[in-house]
Amino acid sequence: MTFLGVAAKVVVGPLSGAFAGAWAAQGIAKRNAGVQRRLEELRATNAAISTTLSILSTCVALKRQHVLPMKTNYDAQKEELARSPGGPRR
């Protein structure tokens, strides 16, 4: 083999291997970035759902503790007024 042939083997082989390795590493990095982006989106969505459920739970508790007794009391007073001898005034 000539000097150029040996030099080509010594230089071209490692360069092509380094290029292929860098190319594969870049592909892996891009894929991991996409996975990370989707994971962050999923976490943000889960946080939004959790916040929504917390707000809904608070509203239901408010209705049970305050609104429902007020409505029951109102209905009882309205019924009592309707049964009174004078009836409801208009």
PDB file of N, CA and C in Angstrom:
ATOM      1  N   MET A   1       0.829  -1.174   0.000  1.00  0.00           N
ATOM      2  CA  MET A   1       0.000   0.000   0.000  1.00  0.00           C
ATOM      3  C   MET A   1       0.878   1.243   0.000  1.00  0.00           C
ATOM      4  N   THR A   2       0.339   2.243  -0.611  1.00  0.00           N
ATOM      5  CA  THR A   2       1.081   3.491  -0.673  1.00  0.00           C
ATOM      6  C   THR A   2       0.851   4.305   0.579  1.00  0.00           C
ATOM      7  N   PHE A   3       1.631   5.325   0.691  1.00  0.00           N
ATOM      8  CA  PHE A   3       1.497   6.221   1.840  1.00  0.00           C
ATOM      9  C   PHE A   3       0.128   6.872   1.863  1.00  0.00           C
ATOM     10  N   LEU A   4      -0.394   7.278   0.689  1.00  0.00           N
ATOM     11  CA  LEU A   4      -1.714   7.919   0.636  1.00  0.00           C
ATOM     12  C   LEU A   4      -2.824   6.945   1.020  1.00  0.00           C
ATOM     13  N   GLY A   5      -2.689   5.702   0.638  1.00  0.00           N
ATOM     14  CA  GLY A   5      -3.691   4.698   1.002  1.00  0.00           C
ATOM     15  C   GLY A   5      -3.744   4.470   2.496  1.00  0.00           C
ATOM     16  N   VAL A   6      -2.583   4.366   3.109  1.00  0.00           N
ATOM     17  CA  VAL A   6      -2.523   4.183   4.557  1.00  0.00           C
ATOM     18  C   VAL A   6      -3.036   5.429   5.272  1.00  0.00           C
ATOM     19  N   ALA A   7      -2.646   6.592   4.769  1.00  0.00           N
ATOM     20  CA  ALA A   7      -3.102   7.843   5.375  1.00  0.00           C
ATOM     21  C   ALA A   7      -4.615   7.970   5.258  1.00  0.00           C
ATOM     22  N   ALA A   8      -5.171   7.549   4.120  1.00  0.00           N
ATOM     23  CA  ALA A   8      -6.622   7.615   3.937  1.00  0.00           C
ATOM     24  C   ALA A   8      -7.321   6.706   4.935  1.00  0.00           C
ATOM     25  N   LYS A   9      -6.774   5.498   5.138  1.00  0.00           N
ATOM     26  CA  LYS A   9      -7.381   4.587   6.114  1.00  0.00           C
ATOM     27  C   LYS A   9      -7.303   5.152   7.528  1.00  0.00           C
ATOM     28  N   VAL A  10      -6.168   5.736   7.827  1.00  0.00           N
ATOM     29  CA  VAL A  10      -5.954   6.244   9.182  1.00  0.00           C
ATOM     30  C   VAL A  10      -6.811   7.481   9.446  1.00  0.00           C
ATOM     31  N   VAL A  11      -7.030   8.333   8.431  1.00  0.00           N
ATOM     32  CA  VAL A  11      -7.748   9.585   8.628  1.00  0.00           C
ATOM     33  C   VAL A  11      -9.239   9.428   8.340  1.00  0.00           C
ATOM     34  N   VAL A  12      -9.577   8.795   7.218  1.00  0.00           N
ATOM     35  CA  VAL A  12     -10.978   8.729   6.787  1.00  0.00           C
ATOM     36  C   VAL A  12     -11.804   7.833   7.714  1.00  0.00           C
ATOM     37  N   GLY A  13     -11.273   6.724   8.140  1.00  0.00           N
ATOM     38  CA  GLY A  13     -12.024   5.816   9.013  1.00  0.00           C
ATOM     39  C   GLY A  13     -12.452   6.478  10.311  1.00  0.00           C
ATOM     40  N   PRO A  14     -11.518   7.019  11.061  1.00  0.00           N
ATOM     41  CA  PRO A  14     -11.911   7.676  12.306  1.00  0.00           C
ATOM     42  C   PRO A  14     -12.801   8.896  12.094  1.00  0.00           C
ATOM     43  N   LEU A  15     -12.555   9.653  11.024  1.00  0.00           N
ATOM     44  CA  LEU A  15     -13.413  10.810  10.767  1.00  0.00           C
ATOM     45  C   LEU A  15     -14.847  10.395  10.471  1.00  0.00           C
ATOM     46  N   SER A  16     -15.000   9.350   9.656  1.00  0.00           N
ATOM     47  CA  SER A  16     -16.361   8.904   9.351  1.00  0.00           C
ATOM     48  C   SER A  16     -17.035   8.342  10.602  1.00  0.00           C
ATOM     49  N   GLY A  17     -16.275   7.645  11.449  1.00  0.00           N
ATOM     50  CA  GLY A  17     -16.834   7.133  12.708  1.00  0.00           C
ATOM     51  C   GLY A  17     -17.243   8.258  13.640  1.00  0.00           C
ATOM     52  N   ALA A  18     -16.408   9.285  13.715  1.00  0.00           N
ATOM     53  CA  ALA A  18     -16.733  10.435  14.568  1.00  0.00           C
ATOM     54  C   ALA A  18     -17.965  11.161  14.048  1.00  0.00           C
ATOM     55  N   PHE A  19     -18.047  11.290  12.711  1.00  0.00           N
ATOM     56  CA  PHE A  19     -19.217  11.953  12.118  1.00  0.00           C
ATOM     57  C   PHE A  19     -20.486  11.169  12.415  1.00  0.00           C
ATOM     58  N   ALA A  20     -20.429   9.846  12.206  1.00  0.00           N
ATOM     59  CA  ALA A  20     -21.600   9.009  12.461  1.00  0.00           C
ATOM     60  C   ALA A  20     -21.996   9.064  13.938  1.00  0.00           C
ATOM     61  N   GLY A  21     -21.024   9.046  14.834  1.00  0.00           N
ATOM     62  CA  GLY A  21     -21.320   9.120  16.258  1.00  0.00           C
ATOM     63  C   GLY A  21     -21.946  10.445  16.655  1.00  0.00           C
ATOM     64  N   ALA A  22     -21.420  11.544  16.104  1.00  0.00           N
ATOM     65  CA  ALA A  22     -21.986  12.865  16.403  1.00  0.00           C
ATOM     66  C   ALA A  22     -23.394  12.993  15.845  1.00  0.00           C
ATOM     67  N   TRP A  23     -23.599  12.439  14.666  1.00  0.00           N
ATOM     68  CA  TRP A  23     -24.929  12.499  14.041  1.00  0.00           C
ATOM     69  C   TRP A  23     -25.949  11.721  14.875  1.00  0.00           C
ATOM     70  N   ALA A  24     -25.556  10.523  15.327  1.00  0.00           N
ATOM     71  CA  ALA A  24     -26.443   9.713  16.166  1.00  0.00           C
ATOM     72  C   ALA A  24     -26.710  10.409  17.509  1.00  0.00           C
ATOM     73  N   ALA A  25     -25.688  11.017  18.090  1.00  0.00           N
ATOM     74  CA  ALA A  25     -25.861  11.713  19.366  1.00  0.00           C
ATOM     75  C   ALA A  25     -26.806  12.899  19.218  1.00  0.00           C
ATOM     76  N   GLN A  26     -26.719  13.596  18.085  1.00  0.00           N
ATOM     77  CA  GLN A  26     -27.622  14.725  17.847  1.00  0.00           C
ATOM     78  C   GLN A  26     -29.058  14.240  17.722  1.00  0.00           C
ATOM     79  N   GLY A  27     -29.268  13.121  17.040  1.00  0.00           N
ATOM     80  CA  GLY A  27     -30.614  12.551  16.919  1.00  0.00           C
ATOM     81  C   GLY A  27     -31.179  12.159  18.269  1.00  0.00           C
ATOM     82  N   ILE A  28     -30.331  11.559  19.103  1.00  0.00           N
ATOM     83  CA  ILE A  28     -30.772  11.163  20.448  1.00  0.00           C
ATOM     84  C   ILE A  28     -31.108  12.394  21.280  1.00  0.00           C
ATOM     85  N   ALA A  29     -30.298  13.441  21.166  1.00  0.00           N
ATOM     86  CA  ALA A  29     -30.548  14.674  21.923  1.00  0.00           C
ATOM     87  C   ALA A  29     -31.856  15.322  21.495  1.00  0.00           C
ATOM     88  N   LYS A  30     -32.126  15.327  20.182  1.00  0.00           N
ATOM     89  CA  LYS A  30     -33.395  15.898  19.700  1.00  0.00           C
ATOM     90  C   LYS A  30     -34.580  15.102  20.227  1.00  0.00           C
ATOM     91  N   ARG A  31     -34.460  13.783  20.198  1.00  0.00           N
ATOM     92  CA  ARG A  31     -35.548  12.938  20.680  1.00  0.00           C
ATOM     93  C   ARG A  31     -35.778  13.163  22.169  1.00  0.00           C
ATOM     94  N   ASN A  32     -34.697  13.244  22.946  1.00  0.00           N
ATOM     95  CA  ASN A  32     -34.823  13.495  24.389  1.00  0.00           C
ATOM     96  C   ASN A  32     -35.434  14.865  24.671  1.00  0.00           C
ATOM     97  N   ALA A  33     -35.094  15.856  23.849  1.00  0.00           N
ATOM     98  CA  ALA A  33     -35.686  17.187  24.032  1.00  0.00           C
ATOM     99  C   ALA A  33     -37.191  17.131  23.797  1.00  0.00           C
ATOM    100  N   GLY A  34     -37.609  16.371  22.785  1.00  0.00           N
ATOM    101  CA  GLY A  34     -39.047  16.220  22.530  1.00  0.00           C
ATOM    102  C   GLY A  34     -39.749  15.513  23.667  1.00  0.00           C
ATOM    103  N   VAL A  35     -39.105  14.499  24.213  1.00  0.00           N
ATOM    104  CA  VAL A  35     -39.681  13.777  25.350  1.00  0.00           C
ATOM    105  C   VAL A  35     -39.790  14.703  26.550  1.00  0.00           C
ATOM    106  N   GLN A  36     -38.763  15.495  26.801  1.00  0.00           N
ATOM    107  CA  GLN A  36     -38.792  16.435  27.921  1.00  0.00           C
ATOM    108  C   GLN A  36     -39.895  17.469  27.751  1.00  0.00           C
ATOM    109  N   ARG A  37     -40.067  17.966  26.510  1.00  0.00           N
ATOM    110  CA  ARG A  37     -41.113  18.953  26.244  1.00  0.00           C
ATOM    111  C   ARG A  37     -42.494  18.362  26.512  1.00  0.00           C
ATOM    112  N   ARG A  38     -42.711  17.130  26.031  1.00  0.00           N
ATOM    113  CA  ARG A  38     -44.007  16.483  26.268  1.00  0.00           C
ATOM    114  C   ARG A  38     -44.221  16.203  27.747  1.00  0.00           C
ATOM    115  N   LEU A  39     -43.161  15.843  28.452  1.00  0.00           N
ATOM    116  CA  LEU A  39     -43.270  15.584  29.881  1.00  0.00           C
ATOM    117  C   LEU A  39     -43.627  16.857  30.644  1.00  0.00           C
ATOM    118  N   GLU A  40     -43.019  17.977  30.274  1.00  0.00           N
ATOM    119  CA  GLU A  40     -43.352  19.259  30.911  1.00  0.00           C
ATOM    120  C   GLU A  40     -44.803  19.637  30.631  1.00  0.00           C
ATOM    121  N   GLU A  41     -45.262  19.400  29.390  1.00  0.00           N
ATOM    122  CA  GLU A  41     -46.657  19.695  29.050  1.00  0.00           C
ATOM    123  C   GLU A  41     -47.601  18.842  29.872  1.00  0.00           C
ATOM    124  N   LEU A  42     -47.268  17.574  30.008  1.00  0.00           N
ATOM    125  CA  LEU A  42     -48.110  16.656  30.782  1.00  0.00           C
ATOM    126  C   LEU A  42     -48.169  17.077  32.248  1.00  0.00           C
ATOM    127  N   ARG A  43     -47.035  17.488  32.788  1.00  0.00           N
ATOM    128  CA  ARG A  43     -47.021  17.940  34.187  1.00  0.00           C
ATOM    129  C   ARG A  43     -47.850  19.216  34.361  1.00  0.00           C
ATOM    130  N   ALA A  44     -47.757  20.130  33.398  1.00  0.00           N
ATOM    131  CA  ALA A  44     -48.547  21.363  33.480  1.00  0.00           C
ATOM    132  C   ALA A  44     -50.037  21.045  33.383  1.00  0.00           C
ATOM    133  N   THR A  45     -50.393  20.103  32.511  1.00  0.00           N
ATOM    134  CA  THR A  45     -51.795  19.706  32.374  1.00  0.00           C
ATOM    135  C   THR A  45     -52.298  19.061  33.660  1.00  0.00           C
ATOM    136  N   ASN A  46     -51.492  18.207  34.258  1.00  0.00           N
ATOM    137  CA  ASN A  46     -51.883  17.575  35.521  1.00  0.00           C
ATOM    138  C   ASN A  46     -52.071  18.611  36.625  1.00  0.00           C
ATOM    139  N   ALA A  47     -51.201  19.615  36.653  1.00  0.00           N
ATOM    140  CA  ALA A  47     -51.346  20.675  37.657  1.00  0.00           C
ATOM    141  C   ALA A  47     -52.636  21.460  37.429  1.00  0.00           C
ATOM    142  N   ALA A  48     -52.966  21.732  36.172  1.00  0.00           N
ATOM    143  CA  ALA A  48     -54.208  22.457  35.869  1.00  0.00           C
ATOM    144  C   ALA A  48     -55.429  21.636  36.272  1.00  0.00           C
ATOM    145  N   ILE A  49     -55.407  20.351  35.993  1.00  0.00           N
ATOM    146  CA  ILE A  49     -56.530  19.483  36.375  1.00  0.00           C
ATOM    147  C   ILE A  49     -56.665  19.435  37.891  1.00  0.00           C
ATOM    148  N   SER A  50     -55.538  19.328  38.585  1.00  0.00           N
ATOM    149  CA  SER A  50     -55.568  19.285  40.047  1.00  0.00           C
ATOM    150  C   SER A  50     -56.133  20.580  40.624  1.00  0.00           C
ATOM    151  N   THR A  51     -55.730  21.715  40.060  1.00  0.00           N
ATOM    152  CA  THR A  51     -56.249  23.006  40.511  1.00  0.00           C
ATOM    153  C   THR A  51     -57.748  23.107  40.265  1.00  0.00           C
ATOM    154  N   THR A  52     -58.184  22.649  39.094  1.00  0.00           N
ATOM    155  CA  THR A  52     -59.605  22.683  38.761  1.00  0.00           C
ATOM    156  C   THR A  52     -60.412  21.828  39.733  1.00  0.00           C
ATOM    157  N   LEU A  53     -59.916  20.637  40.032  1.00  0.00           N
ATOM    158  CA  LEU A  53     -60.628  19.769  40.973  1.00  0.00           C
ATOM    159  C   LEU A  53     -60.673  20.378  42.372  1.00  0.00           C
ATOM    160  N   SER A  54     -59.623  21.048  42.767  1.00  0.00           N
ATOM    161  CA  SER A  54     -59.606  21.715  44.067  1.00  0.00           C
ATOM    162  C   SER A  54     -60.651  22.824  44.129  1.00  0.00           C
ATOM    163  N   ILE A  55     -60.736  23.618  43.070  1.00  0.00           N
ATOM    164  CA  ILE A  55     -61.740  24.689  43.013  1.00  0.00           C
ATOM    165  C   ILE A  55     -63.140  24.104  43.043  1.00  0.00           C
ATOM    166  N   LEU A  56     -63.365  23.040  42.268  1.00  0.00           N
ATOM    167  CA  LEU A  56     -64.680  22.394  42.233  1.00  0.00           C
ATOM    168  C   LEU A  56     -65.050  21.836  43.600  1.00  0.00           C
ATOM    169  N   SER A  57     -64.082  21.229  44.270  1.00  0.00           N
ATOM    170  CA  SER A  57     -64.332  20.684  45.605  1.00  0.00           C
ATOM    171  C   SER A  57     -64.716  21.790  46.585  1.00  0.00           C
ATOM    172  N   THR A  58     -64.046  22.928  46.478  1.00  0.00           N
ATOM    173  CA  THR A  58     -64.363  24.069  47.343  1.00  0.00           C
ATOM    174  C   THR A  58     -65.777  24.566  47.077  1.00  0.00           C
ATOM    175  N   CYS A  59     -66.163  24.626  45.813  1.00  0.00           N
ATOM    176  CA  CYS A  59     -67.519  25.083  45.463  1.00  0.00           C
ATOM    177  C   CYS A  59     -68.580  24.130  45.988  1.00  0.00           C
ATOM    178  N   VAL A  60     -68.337  22.834  45.868  1.00  0.00           N
ATOM    179  CA  VAL A  60     -69.299  21.854  46.369  1.00  0.00           C
ATOM    180  C   VAL A  60     -69.406  21.952  47.890  1.00  0.00           C
ATOM    181  N   ALA A  61     -68.281  22.122  48.561  1.00  0.00           N
ATOM    182  CA  ALA A  61     -68.303  22.264  50.024  1.00  0.00           C
ATOM    183  C   ALA A  61     -69.057  23.527  50.422  1.00  0.00           C
ATOM    184  N   LEU A  62     -68.854  24.612  49.682  1.00  0.00           N
ATOM    185  CA  LEU A  62     -69.574  25.857  49.958  1.00  0.00           C
ATOM    186  C   LEU A  62     -71.071  25.648  49.817  1.00  0.00           C
ATOM    187  N   LYS A  63     -71.463  24.945  48.770  1.00  0.00           N
ATOM    188  CA  LYS A  63     -72.891  24.714  48.557  1.00  0.00           C
ATOM    189  C   LYS A  63     -73.474  23.876  49.686  1.00  0.00           C
ATOM    190  N   ARG A  64     -72.766  22.832  50.089  1.00  0.00           N
ATOM    191  CA  ARG A  64     -73.284  21.968  51.152  1.00  0.00           C
ATOM    192  C   ARG A  64     -73.358  22.695  52.486  1.00  0.00           C
ATOM    193  N   GLN A  65     -72.364  23.513  52.797  1.00  0.00           N
ATOM    194  CA  GLN A  65     -72.287  24.124  54.122  1.00  0.00           C
ATOM    195  C   GLN A  65     -73.124  25.385  54.251  1.00  0.00           C
ATOM    196  N   HIS A  66     -73.286  26.125  53.170  1.00  0.00           N
ATOM    197  CA  HIS A  66     -73.938  27.424  53.290  1.00  0.00           C
ATOM    198  C   HIS A  66     -75.195  27.553  52.435  1.00  0.00           C
ATOM    199  N   VAL A  67     -75.082  27.293  51.181  1.00  0.00           N
ATOM    200  CA  VAL A  67     -76.190  27.540  50.256  1.00  0.00           C
ATOM    201  C   VAL A  67     -77.343  26.583  50.508  1.00  0.00           C
ATOM    202  N   LEU A  68     -77.060  25.301  50.669  1.00  0.00           N
ATOM    203  CA  LEU A  68     -78.134  24.331  50.871  1.00  0.00           C
ATOM    204  C   LEU A  68     -78.938  24.615  52.145  1.00  0.00           C
ATOM    205  N   PRO A  69     -78.319  24.904  53.300  1.00  0.00           N
ATOM    206  CA  PRO A  69     -79.122  25.243  54.477  1.00  0.00           C
ATOM    207  C   PRO A  69     -79.935  26.531  54.280  1.00  0.00           C
ATOM    208  N   MET A  70     -79.365  27.517  53.586  1.00  0.00           N
ATOM    209  CA  MET A  70     -80.132  28.744  53.330  1.00  0.00           C
ATOM    210  C   MET A  70     -81.339  28.447  52.454  1.00  0.00           C
ATOM    211  N   LYS A  71     -81.169  27.606  51.444  1.00  0.00           N
ATOM    212  CA  LYS A  71     -82.276  27.260  50.536  1.00  0.00           C
ATOM    213  C   LYS A  71     -83.331  26.472  51.294  1.00  0.00           C
ATOM    214  N   THR A  72     -82.915  25.543  52.143  1.00  0.00           N
ATOM    215  CA  THR A  72     -83.871  24.754  52.932  1.00  0.00           C
ATOM    216  C   THR A  72     -84.659  25.665  53.874  1.00  0.00           C
ATOM    217  N   ASN A  73     -83.978  26.590  54.528  1.00  0.00           N
ATOM    218  CA  ASN A  73     -84.631  27.539  55.426  1.00  0.00           C
ATOM    219  C   ASN A  73     -85.604  28.426  54.650  1.00  0.00           C
ATOM    220  N   TYR A  74     -85.201  28.884  53.489  1.00  0.00           N
ATOM    221  CA  TYR A  74     -86.070  29.724  52.661  1.00  0.00           C
ATOM    222  C   TYR A  74     -87.325  28.957  52.259  1.00  0.00           C
ATOM    223  N   ASP A  75     -87.154  27.721  51.804  1.00  0.00           N
ATOM    224  CA  ASP A  75     -88.308  26.923  51.396  1.00  0.00           C
ATOM    225  C   ASP A  75     -89.253  26.671  52.573  1.00  0.00           C
ATOM    226  N   ALA A  76     -88.687  26.420  53.770  1.00  0.00           N
ATOM    227  CA  ALA A  76     -89.531  26.185  54.946  1.00  0.00           C
ATOM    228  C   ALA A  76     -90.310  27.441  55.309  1.00  0.00           C
ATOM    229  N   GLN A  77     -89.663  28.598  55.277  1.00  0.00           N
ATOM    230  CA  GLN A  77     -90.354  29.846  55.590  1.00  0.00           C
ATOM    231  C   GLN A  77     -91.411  30.168  54.531  1.00  0.00           C
ATOM    232  N   LYS A  78     -91.129  29.880  53.290  1.00  0.00           N
ATOM    233  CA  LYS A  78     -92.095  30.124  52.215  1.00  0.00           C
ATOM    234  C   LYS A  78     -93.320  29.228  52.392  1.00  0.00           C
ATOM    235  N   GLU A  79     -93.074  27.965  52.746  1.00  0.00           N
ATOM    236  CA  GLU A  79     -94.184  27.039  52.975  1.00  0.00           C
ATOM    237  C   GLU A  79     -95.009  27.473  54.191  1.00  0.00           C
ATOM    238  N   GLU A  80     -94.327  27.920  55.253  1.00  0.00           N
ATOM    239  CA  GLU A  80     -95.024  28.391  56.444  1.00  0.00           C
ATOM    240  C   GLU A  80     -95.876  29.617  56.133  1.00  0.00           C
ATOM    241  N   LEU A  81     -95.356  30.504  55.324  1.00  0.00           N
ATOM    242  CA  LEU A  81     -96.098  31.694  54.931  1.00  0.00           C
ATOM    243  C   LEU A  81     -97.328  31.323  54.100  1.00  0.00           C
ATOM    244  N   ALA A  82     -97.188  30.336  53.233  1.00  0.00           N
ATOM    245  CA  ALA A  82     -98.316  29.916  52.403  1.00  0.00           C
ATOM    246  C   ALA A  82     -99.408  29.267  53.247  1.00  0.00           C
ATOM    247  N   ARG A  83     -99.025  28.627  54.359  1.00  0.00           N
ATOM    248  CA  ARG A  83    -100.017  27.978  55.227  1.00  0.00           C
ATOM    249  C   ARG A  83    -100.613  28.940  56.257  1.00  0.00           C
ATOM    250  N   SER A  84    -100.080  30.113  56.390  1.00  0.00           N
ATOM    251  CA  SER A  84    -100.589  31.049  57.381  1.00  0.00           C
ATOM    252  C   SER A  84    -101.990  31.519  56.978  1.00  0.00           C
ATOM    253  N   PRO A  85    -102.813  31.944  57.947  1.00  0.00           N
ATOM    254  CA  PRO A  85    -104.211  32.318  57.651  1.00  0.00           C
ATOM    255  C   PRO A  85    -104.290  33.492  56.665  1.00  0.00           C
ATOM    256  N   GLY A  86    -103.415  34.414  56.746  1.00  0.00           N
ATOM    257  CA  GLY A  86    -103.488  35.559  55.843  1.00  0.00           C
ATOM    258  C   GLY A  86    -102.947  35.258  54.462  1.00  0.00           C
ATOM    259  N   GLY A  87    -102.157  34.219  54.370  1.00  0.00           N
ATOM    260  CA  GLY A  87    -101.543  33.862  53.084  1.00  0.00           C
ATOM    261  C   GLY A  87    -100.433  34.847  52.727  1.00  0.00           C
ATOM    262  N   PRO A  88     -99.747  34.588  51.669  1.00  0.00           N
ATOM    263  CA  PRO A  88     -98.652  35.490  51.272  1.00  0.00           C
ATOM    264  C   PRO A  88     -99.199  36.808  50.758  1.00  0.00           C
ATOM    265  N   ARG A  89     -98.516  37.872  51.074  1.00  0.00           N
ATOM    266  CA  ARG A  89     -98.917  39.192  50.580  1.00  0.00           C
ATOM    267  C   ARG A  89     -98.215  39.438  49.266  1.00  0.00           C
ATOM    268  N   ARG A  90     -98.918  40.119  48.426  1.00  0.00           N
ATOM    269  CA  ARG A  90     -98.312  40.417  47.112  1.00  0.00           C
ATOM    270  C   ARG A  90     -98.188  41.877  46.912  1.00  0.00           C
TER     271      ARG A  90
END
